[in-house]
PDB file of N, CA and C in Angstrom:
ATOM      1  N   MET A   1     130.856 -56.170  -5.300  1.00  0.00           N
ATOM      2  CA  MET A   1     131.630 -54.984  -5.585  1.00  0.00           C
ATOM      3  C   MET A   1     130.694 -53.830  -5.882  1.00  0.00           C
ATOM      4  N   LEU A   2     129.664 -54.088  -6.653  1.00  0.00           N
ATOM      5  CA  LEU A   2     128.729 -53.015  -7.001  1.00  0.00           C
ATOM      6  C   LEU A   2     128.084 -52.423  -5.756  1.00  0.00           C
ATOM      7  N   CYS A   3     127.729 -53.275  -4.798  1.00  0.00           N
ATOM      8  CA  CYS A   3     127.109 -52.808  -3.538  1.00  0.00           C
ATOM      9  C   CYS A   3     128.054 -51.883  -2.803  1.00  0.00           C
ATOM     10  N   GLU A   4     129.358 -52.234  -2.717  1.00  0.00           N
ATOM     11  CA  GLU A   4     130.321 -51.391  -2.041  1.00  0.00           C
ATOM     12  C   GLU A   4     130.439 -50.023  -2.701  1.00  0.00           C
ATOM     13  N   VAL A   5     130.426 -50.005  -4.028  1.00  0.00           N
ATOM     14  CA  VAL A   5     130.546 -48.758  -4.761  1.00  0.00           C
ATOM     15  C   VAL A   5     129.307 -47.883  -4.511  1.00  0.00           C
ATOM     16  N   LEU A   6     128.153 -48.495  -4.510  1.00  0.00           N
ATOM     17  CA  LEU A   6     126.929 -47.708  -4.253  1.00  0.00           C
ATOM     18  C   LEU A   6     126.930 -47.151  -2.847  1.00  0.00           C
ATOM     19  N   ASN A   7     127.350 -47.950  -1.839  1.00  0.00           N
ATOM     20  CA  ASN A   7     127.420 -47.411  -0.501  1.00  0.00           C
ATOM     21  C   ASN A   7     128.438 -46.303  -0.392  1.00  0.00           C
ATOM     22  N   LEU A   8     129.560 -46.459  -1.048  1.00  0.00           N
ATOM     23  CA  LEU A   8     130.584 -45.427  -1.023  1.00  0.00           C
ATOM     24  C   LEU A   8     130.061 -44.116  -1.666  1.00  0.00           C
ATOM     25  N   ASP A   9     129.303 -44.220  -2.732  1.00  0.00           N
ATOM     26  CA  ASP A   9     128.676 -43.066  -3.313  1.00  0.00           C
ATOM     27  C   ASP A   9     127.699 -42.398  -2.354  1.00  0.00           C
ATOM     28  N   ARG A  10     126.952 -43.200  -1.630  1.00  0.00           N
ATOM     29  CA  ARG A  10     125.996 -42.678  -0.653  1.00  0.00           C
ATOM     30  C   ARG A  10     126.731 -41.979   0.474  1.00  0.00           C
ATOM     31  N   VAL A  11     127.884 -42.482   0.883  1.00  0.00           N
ATOM     32  CA  VAL A  11     128.679 -41.823   1.926  1.00  0.00           C
ATOM     33  C   VAL A  11     129.149 -40.456   1.413  1.00  0.00           C
ATOM     34  N   ARG A  12     129.724 -40.452   0.221  1.00  0.00           N
ATOM     35  CA  ARG A  12     130.176 -39.174  -0.350  1.00  0.00           C
ATOM     36  C   ARG A  12     129.052 -38.154  -0.448  1.00  0.00           C
ATOM     37  N   ASP A  13     127.886 -38.587  -0.944  1.00  0.00           N
ATOM     38  CA  ASP A  13     126.757 -37.680  -1.077  1.00  0.00           C
ATOM     39  C   ASP A  13     126.339 -37.168   0.317  1.00  0.00           C
ATOM     40  N   ALA A  14     126.262 -38.037   1.288  1.00  0.00           N
ATOM     41  CA  ALA A  14     125.889 -37.624   2.650  1.00  0.00           C
ATOM     42  C   ALA A  14     126.856 -36.587   3.201  1.00  0.00           C
ATOM     43  N   LEU A  15     128.135 -36.806   3.032  1.00  0.00           N
ATOM     44  CA  LEU A  15     129.120 -35.843   3.544  1.00  0.00           C
ATOM     45  C   LEU A  15     129.016 -34.485   2.870  1.00  0.00           C
ATOM     46  N   GLU A  16     128.641 -34.489   1.596  1.00  0.00           N
ATOM     47  CA  GLU A  16     128.531 -33.235   0.867  1.00  0.00           C
ATOM     48  C   GLU A  16     127.199 -32.532   1.149  1.00  0.00           C
ATOM     49  N   ASP A  17     126.141 -33.283   1.272  1.00  0.00           N
ATOM     50  CA  ASP A  17     124.769 -32.710   1.300  1.00  0.00           C
ATOM     51  C   ASP A  17     124.138 -32.615   2.672  1.00  0.00           C
ATOM     52  N   LEU A  18     124.538 -33.412   3.628  1.00  0.00           N
ATOM     53  CA  LEU A  18     123.790 -33.464   4.925  1.00  0.00           C
ATOM     54  C   LEU A  18     124.598 -32.817   6.016  1.00  0.00           C
ATOM     55  N   SER A  19     123.895 -32.269   6.976  1.00  0.00           N
ATOM     56  CA  SER A  19     124.526 -31.706   8.164  1.00  0.00           C
ATOM     57  C   SER A  19     124.914 -32.871   9.097  1.00  0.00           C
ATOM     58  N   ASP A  20     125.705 -32.538  10.117  1.00  0.00           N
ATOM     59  CA  ASP A  20     126.067 -33.581  11.111  1.00  0.00           C
ATOM     60  C   ASP A  20     124.820 -34.156  11.736  1.00  0.00           C
ATOM     61  N   GLU A  21     123.908 -33.298  12.077  1.00  0.00           N
ATOM     62  CA  GLU A  21     122.652 -33.752  12.720  1.00  0.00           C
ATOM     63  C   GLU A  21     121.847 -34.691  11.835  1.00  0.00           C
ATOM     64  N   GLU A  22     121.770 -34.348  10.543  1.00  0.00           N
ATOM     65  CA  GLU A  22     121.051 -35.208   9.586  1.00  0.00           C
ATOM     66  C   GLU A  22     121.729 -36.544   9.434  1.00  0.00           C
ATOM     67  N   ILE A  23     123.048 -36.550   9.419  1.00  0.00           N
ATOM     68  CA  ILE A  23     123.763 -37.807   9.341  1.00  0.00           C
ATOM     69  C   ILE A  23     123.503 -38.622  10.588  1.00  0.00           C
ATOM     70  N   MET A  24     123.566 -38.019  11.768  1.00  0.00           N
ATOM     71  CA  MET A  24     123.351 -38.738  13.013  1.00  0.00           C
ATOM     72  C   MET A  24     121.924 -39.258  13.134  1.00  0.00           C
ATOM     73  N   ARG A  25     120.954 -38.571  12.500  1.00  0.00           N
ATOM     74  CA  ARG A  25     119.577 -39.083  12.461  1.00  0.00           C
ATOM     75  C   ARG A  25     119.389 -40.205  11.432  1.00  0.00           C
ATOM     76  N   ASP A  26     120.395 -40.440  10.610  1.00  0.00           N
ATOM     77  CA  ASP A  26     120.384 -41.426   9.586  1.00  0.00           C
ATOM     78  C   ASP A  26     119.475 -41.057   8.411  1.00  0.00           C
ATOM     79  N   ASP A  27     119.371 -39.729   8.161  1.00  0.00           N
ATOM     80  CA  ASP A  27     118.595 -39.298   6.993  1.00  0.00           C
ATOM     81  C   ASP A  27     119.179 -39.892   5.763  1.00  0.00           C
ATOM     82  N   GLY A  28     118.295 -40.424   4.868  1.00  0.00           N
ATOM     83  CA  GLY A  28     118.755 -41.033   3.655  1.00  0.00           C
ATOM     84  C   GLY A  28     119.559 -42.281   3.879  1.00  0.00           C
ATOM     85  N   LEU A  29     119.439 -42.874   5.031  1.00  0.00           N
ATOM     86  CA  LEU A  29     120.218 -44.060   5.428  1.00  0.00           C
ATOM     87  C   LEU A  29     121.715 -43.826   5.363  1.00  0.00           C
ATOM     88  N   ALA A  30     122.136 -42.618   5.678  1.00  0.00           N
ATOM     89  CA  ALA A  30     123.548 -42.255   5.613  1.00  0.00           C
ATOM     90  C   ALA A  30     124.384 -43.082   6.570  1.00  0.00           C
ATOM     91  N   ARG A  31     123.951 -43.193   7.806  1.00  0.00           N
ATOM     92  CA  ARG A  31     124.749 -43.985   8.770  1.00  0.00           C
ATOM     93  C   ARG A  31     124.782 -45.447   8.382  1.00  0.00           C
ATOM     94  N   HIS A  32     123.738 -45.925   7.798  1.00  0.00           N
ATOM     95  CA  HIS A  32     123.712 -47.315   7.308  1.00  0.00           C
ATOM     96  C   HIS A  32     124.805 -47.493   6.258  1.00  0.00           C
ATOM     97  N   ALA A  33     124.897 -46.519   5.335  1.00  0.00           N
ATOM     98  CA  ALA A  33     125.913 -46.617   4.282  1.00  0.00           C
ATOM     99  C   ALA A  33     127.290 -46.523   4.902  1.00  0.00           C
ATOM    100  N   PHE A  34     127.502 -45.635   5.904  1.00  0.00           N
ATOM    101  CA  PHE A  34     128.799 -45.559   6.589  1.00  0.00           C
ATOM    102  C   PHE A  34     129.179 -46.897   7.192  1.00  0.00           C
ATOM    103  N   HIS A  35     128.211 -47.541   7.827  1.00  0.00           N
ATOM    104  CA  HIS A  35     128.447 -48.820   8.459  1.00  0.00           C
ATOM    105  C   HIS A  35     128.812 -49.854   7.420  1.00  0.00           C
ATOM    106  N   GLN A  36     128.056 -49.892   6.316  1.00  0.00           N
ATOM    107  CA  GLN A  36     128.301 -50.879   5.262  1.00  0.00           C
ATOM    108  C   GLN A  36     129.669 -50.711   4.646  1.00  0.00           C
ATOM    109  N   VAL A  37     130.119 -49.503   4.451  1.00  0.00           N
ATOM    110  CA  VAL A  37     131.436 -49.237   3.878  1.00  0.00           C
ATOM    111  C   VAL A  37     132.512 -49.726   4.841  1.00  0.00           C
ATOM    112  N   GLY A  38     132.293 -49.527   6.151  1.00  0.00           N
ATOM    113  CA  GLY A  38     133.310 -49.899   7.114  1.00  0.00           C
ATOM    114  C   GLY A  38     133.169 -51.335   7.662  1.00  0.00           C
ATOM    115  N   ALA A  39     132.141 -52.045   7.302  1.00  0.00           N
ATOM    116  CA  ALA A  39     131.886 -53.350   7.819  1.00  0.00           C
ATOM    117  C   ALA A  39     132.926 -54.314   7.363  1.00  0.00           C
ATOM    118  N   TYR A  40     133.309 -55.219   8.242  1.00  0.00           N
ATOM    119  CA  TYR A  40     134.267 -56.262   7.919  1.00  0.00           C
ATOM    120  C   TYR A  40     133.517 -57.533   7.633  1.00  0.00           C
ATOM    121  N   GLU A  41     133.651 -58.003   6.418  1.00  0.00           N
ATOM    122  CA  GLU A  41     132.945 -59.252   5.994  1.00  0.00           C
ATOM    123  C   GLU A  41     133.936 -60.272   5.506  1.00  0.00           C
ATOM    124  N   GLY A  42     135.111 -60.289   6.037  1.00  0.00           N
ATOM    125  CA  GLY A  42     136.131 -61.209   5.526  1.00  0.00           C
ATOM    126  C   GLY A  42     137.016 -60.472   4.581  1.00  0.00           C
ATOM    127  N   PRO A  43     138.071 -61.133   4.210  1.00  0.00           N
ATOM    128  CA  PRO A  43     139.046 -60.449   3.343  1.00  0.00           C
ATOM    129  C   PRO A  43     138.496 -60.090   1.962  1.00  0.00           C
ATOM    130  N   THR A  44     138.791 -58.902   1.531  1.00  0.00           N
ATOM    131  CA  THR A  44     138.469 -58.504   0.133  1.00  0.00           C
ATOM    132  C   THR A  44     139.708 -58.566  -0.688  1.00  0.00           C
ATOM    133  N   ILE A  45     140.849 -58.770  -0.049  1.00  0.00           N
ATOM    134  CA  ILE A  45     142.110 -58.833  -0.768  1.00  0.00           C
ATOM    135  C   ILE A  45     142.585 -60.279  -0.780  1.00  0.00           C
ATOM    136  N   PHE A  46     142.894 -60.757  -1.942  1.00  0.00           N
ATOM    137  CA  PHE A  46     143.340 -62.169  -2.082  1.00  0.00           C
ATOM    138  C   PHE A  46     144.765 -62.274  -2.591  1.00  0.00           C
ATOM    139  N   LEU A  47     145.354 -61.157  -2.998  1.00  0.00           N
ATOM    140  CA  LEU A  47     146.735 -61.187  -3.451  1.00  0.00           C
ATOM    141  C   LEU A  47     147.566 -60.251  -2.575  1.00  0.00           C
ATOM    142  N   TYR A  48     148.768 -60.726  -2.227  1.00  0.00           N
ATOM    143  CA  TYR A  48     149.665 -59.984  -1.371  1.00  0.00           C
ATOM    144  C   TYR A  48     151.046 -59.921  -1.985  1.00  0.00           C
ATOM    145  N   ASP A  49     151.777 -58.832  -1.703  1.00  0.00           N
ATOM    146  CA  ASP A  49     153.172 -58.782  -2.212  1.00  0.00           C
ATOM    147  C   ASP A  49     154.097 -59.462  -1.260  1.00  0.00           C
ATOM    148  N   GLU A  50     155.390 -59.388  -1.547  1.00  0.00           N
ATOM    149  CA  GLU A  50     156.402 -60.066  -0.730  1.00  0.00           C
ATOM    150  C   GLU A  50     156.507 -59.505   0.709  1.00  0.00           C
ATOM    151  N   HIS A  51     155.912 -58.371   0.944  1.00  0.00           N
ATOM    152  CA  HIS A  51     155.963 -57.741   2.264  1.00  0.00           C
ATOM    153  C   HIS A  51     154.724 -58.003   3.042  1.00  0.00           C
ATOM    154  N   GLY A  52     153.754 -58.726   2.481  1.00  0.00           N
ATOM    155  CA  GLY A  52     152.511 -59.018   3.148  1.00  0.00           C
ATOM    156  C   GLY A  52     151.507 -57.898   3.020  1.00  0.00           C
ATOM    157  N   SER A  53     151.763 -56.927   2.144  1.00  0.00           N
ATOM    158  CA  SER A  53     150.819 -55.857   1.897  1.00  0.00           C
ATOM    159  C   SER A  53     149.829 -56.291   0.815  1.00  0.00           C
ATOM    160  N   GLY A  54     148.572 -55.979   0.990  1.00  0.00           N
ATOM    161  CA  GLY A  54     147.601 -56.364   0.036  1.00  0.00           C
ATOM    162  C   GLY A  54     147.769 -55.618  -1.276  1.00  0.00           C
ATOM    163  N   ILE A  55     147.578 -56.319  -2.377  1.00  0.00           N
ATOM    164  CA  ILE A  55     147.595 -55.658  -3.703  1.00  0.00           C
ATOM    165  C   ILE A  55     146.195 -55.196  -3.946  1.00  0.00           C
ATOM    166  N   ARG A  56     145.987 -53.902  -3.799  1.00  0.00           N
ATOM    167  CA  ARG A  56     144.635 -53.316  -3.757  1.00  0.00           C
ATOM    168  C   ARG A  56     144.202 -52.688  -5.094  1.00  0.00           C
ATOM    169  N   HIS A  57     145.094 -52.530  -6.051  1.00  0.00           N
ATOM    170  CA  HIS A  57     144.667 -51.885  -7.294  1.00  0.00           C
ATOM    171  C   HIS A  57     145.541 -52.395  -8.430  1.00  0.00           C
ATOM    172  N   GLN A  58     145.076 -52.166  -9.672  1.00  0.00           N
ATOM    173  CA  GLN A  58     145.730 -52.704 -10.837  1.00  0.00           C
ATOM    174  C   GLN A  58     147.149 -52.181 -11.017  1.00  0.00           C
ATOM    175  N   ASP A  59     147.383 -50.911 -10.692  1.00  0.00           N
ATOM    176  CA  ASP A  59     148.715 -50.334 -10.833  1.00  0.00           C
ATOM    177  C   ASP A  59     149.718 -51.099  -9.994  1.00  0.00           C
ATOM    178  N   HIS A  60     149.339 -51.422  -8.745  1.00  0.00           N
ATOM    179  CA  HIS A  60     150.229 -52.172  -7.876  1.00  0.00           C
ATOM    180  C   HIS A  60     150.547 -53.551  -8.457  1.00  0.00           C
ATOM    181  N   LEU A  61     149.525 -54.229  -8.943  1.00  0.00           N
ATOM    182  CA  LEU A  61     149.744 -55.561  -9.525  1.00  0.00           C
ATOM    183  C   LEU A  61     150.632 -55.473 -10.758  1.00  0.00           C
ATOM    184  N   ASP A  62     150.353 -54.507 -11.619  1.00  0.00           N
ATOM    185  CA  ASP A  62     151.191 -54.316 -12.837  1.00  0.00           C
ATOM    186  C   ASP A  62     152.649 -54.058 -12.484  1.00  0.00           C
ATOM    187  N   ARG A  63     152.887 -53.233 -11.484  1.00  0.00           N
ATOM    188  CA  ARG A  63     154.271 -52.939 -11.061  1.00  0.00           C
ATOM    189  C   ARG A  63     154.996 -54.209 -10.538  1.00  0.00           C
ATOM    190  N   ILE A  64     154.285 -55.023  -9.785  1.00  0.00           N
ATOM    191  CA  ILE A  64     154.892 -56.251  -9.259  1.00  0.00           C
ATOM    192  C   ILE A  64     155.200 -57.221 -10.436  1.00  0.00           C
ATOM    193  N   LEU A  65     154.266 -57.331 -11.356  1.00  0.00           N
ATOM    194  CA  LEU A  65     154.512 -58.243 -12.480  1.00  0.00           C
ATOM    195  C   LEU A  65     155.627 -57.794 -13.391  1.00  0.00           C
ATOM    196  N   GLU A  66     155.811 -56.448 -13.518  1.00  0.00           N
ATOM    197  CA  GLU A  66     156.906 -55.922 -14.309  1.00  0.00           C
ATOM    198  C   GLU A  66     158.273 -56.077 -13.629  1.00  0.00           C
ATOM    199  N   GLU A  67     158.295 -55.969 -12.296  1.00  0.00           N
ATOM    200  CA  GLU A  67     159.566 -55.940 -11.578  1.00  0.00           C
ATOM    201  C   GLU A  67     160.086 -57.339 -11.243  1.00  0.00           C
ATOM    202  N   ASN A  68     159.281 -58.346 -11.336  1.00  0.00           N
ATOM    203  CA  ASN A  68     159.682 -59.683 -10.879  1.00  0.00           C
ATOM    204  C   ASN A  68     159.549 -60.703 -12.017  1.00  0.00           C
ATOM    205  N   GLU A  69     160.635 -61.481 -12.150  1.00  0.00           N
ATOM    206  CA  GLU A  69     160.626 -62.574 -13.130  1.00  0.00           C
ATOM    207  C   GLU A  69     160.051 -63.858 -12.547  1.00  0.00           C
ATOM    208  N   ASN A  70     160.351 -64.094 -11.288  1.00  0.00           N
ATOM    209  CA  ASN A  70     159.906 -65.296 -10.609  1.00  0.00           C
ATOM    210  C   ASN A  70     158.942 -64.928  -9.517  1.00  0.00           C
ATOM    211  N   LEU A  71     157.724 -65.402  -9.621  1.00  0.00           N
ATOM    212  CA  LEU A  71     156.704 -65.140  -8.634  1.00  0.00           C
ATOM    213  C   LEU A  71     156.228 -66.464  -8.061  1.00  0.00           C
ATOM    214  N   TRP A  72     155.849 -66.454  -6.798  1.00  0.00           N
ATOM    215  CA  TRP A  72     155.363 -67.629  -6.117  1.00  0.00           C
ATOM    216  C   TRP A  72     153.896 -67.442  -5.804  1.00  0.00           C
ATOM    217  N   ILE A  73     153.141 -68.526  -5.936  1.00  0.00           N
ATOM    218  CA  ILE A  73     151.773 -68.563  -5.457  1.00  0.00           C
ATOM    219  C   ILE A  73     151.783 -69.502  -4.288  1.00  0.00           C
ATOM    220  N   VAL A  74     151.417 -68.946  -3.108  1.00  0.00           N
ATOM    221  CA  VAL A  74     151.391 -69.739  -1.872  1.00  0.00           C
ATOM    222  C   VAL A  74     149.950 -69.896  -1.470  1.00  0.00           C
ATOM    223  N   LEU A  75     149.497 -71.114  -1.424  1.00  0.00           N
ATOM    224  CA  LEU A  75     148.117 -71.392  -0.987  1.00  0.00           C
ATOM    225  C   LEU A  75     148.063 -71.422   0.517  1.00  0.00           C
ATOM    226  N   ALA A  76     147.034 -70.818   1.075  1.00  0.00           N
ATOM    227  CA  ALA A  76     146.836 -70.793   2.498  1.00  0.00           C
ATOM    228  C   ALA A  76     145.353 -70.983   2.811  1.00  0.00           C
ATOM    229  N   ASP A  77     145.121 -71.646   3.888  1.00  0.00           N
ATOM    230  CA  ASP A  77     143.764 -71.846   4.400  1.00  0.00           C
ATOM    231  C   ASP A  77     143.769 -71.381   5.840  1.00  0.00           C
ATOM    232  N   VAL A  78     143.130 -70.288   6.114  1.00  0.00           N
ATOM    233  CA  VAL A  78     143.104 -69.708   7.443  1.00  0.00           C
ATOM    234  C   VAL A  78     141.678 -69.713   7.958  1.00  0.00           C
ATOM    235  N   HIS A  79     141.547 -70.195   9.176  1.00  0.00           N
ATOM    236  CA  HIS A  79     140.233 -70.234   9.855  1.00  0.00           C
ATOM    237  C   HIS A  79     140.322 -69.351  11.106  1.00  0.00           C
ATOM    238  N   TYR A  80     139.363 -68.473  11.308  1.00  0.00           N
ATOM    239  CA  TYR A  80     139.375 -67.711  12.529  1.00  0.00           C
ATOM    240  C   TYR A  80     138.240 -68.106  13.386  1.00  0.00           C
TER     241      TYR A  80
END
């Protein structure tokens, strides 16, 4: 998680401080940070609501826990 936050900070800084040409030249490893932020390394979401939407933040989880008395935990093993 820390690595993702650091890369996201590098992306923000690059967008604020670098020109398009500097980003395309990968100054400060900006393009590398862009790639790392967008890279798919498997699921980062392990909890889903009843609609199949990922629970991505604490507020969403709190809302679900407050609105539902009966919750199910469904175990799944998916191989791609």
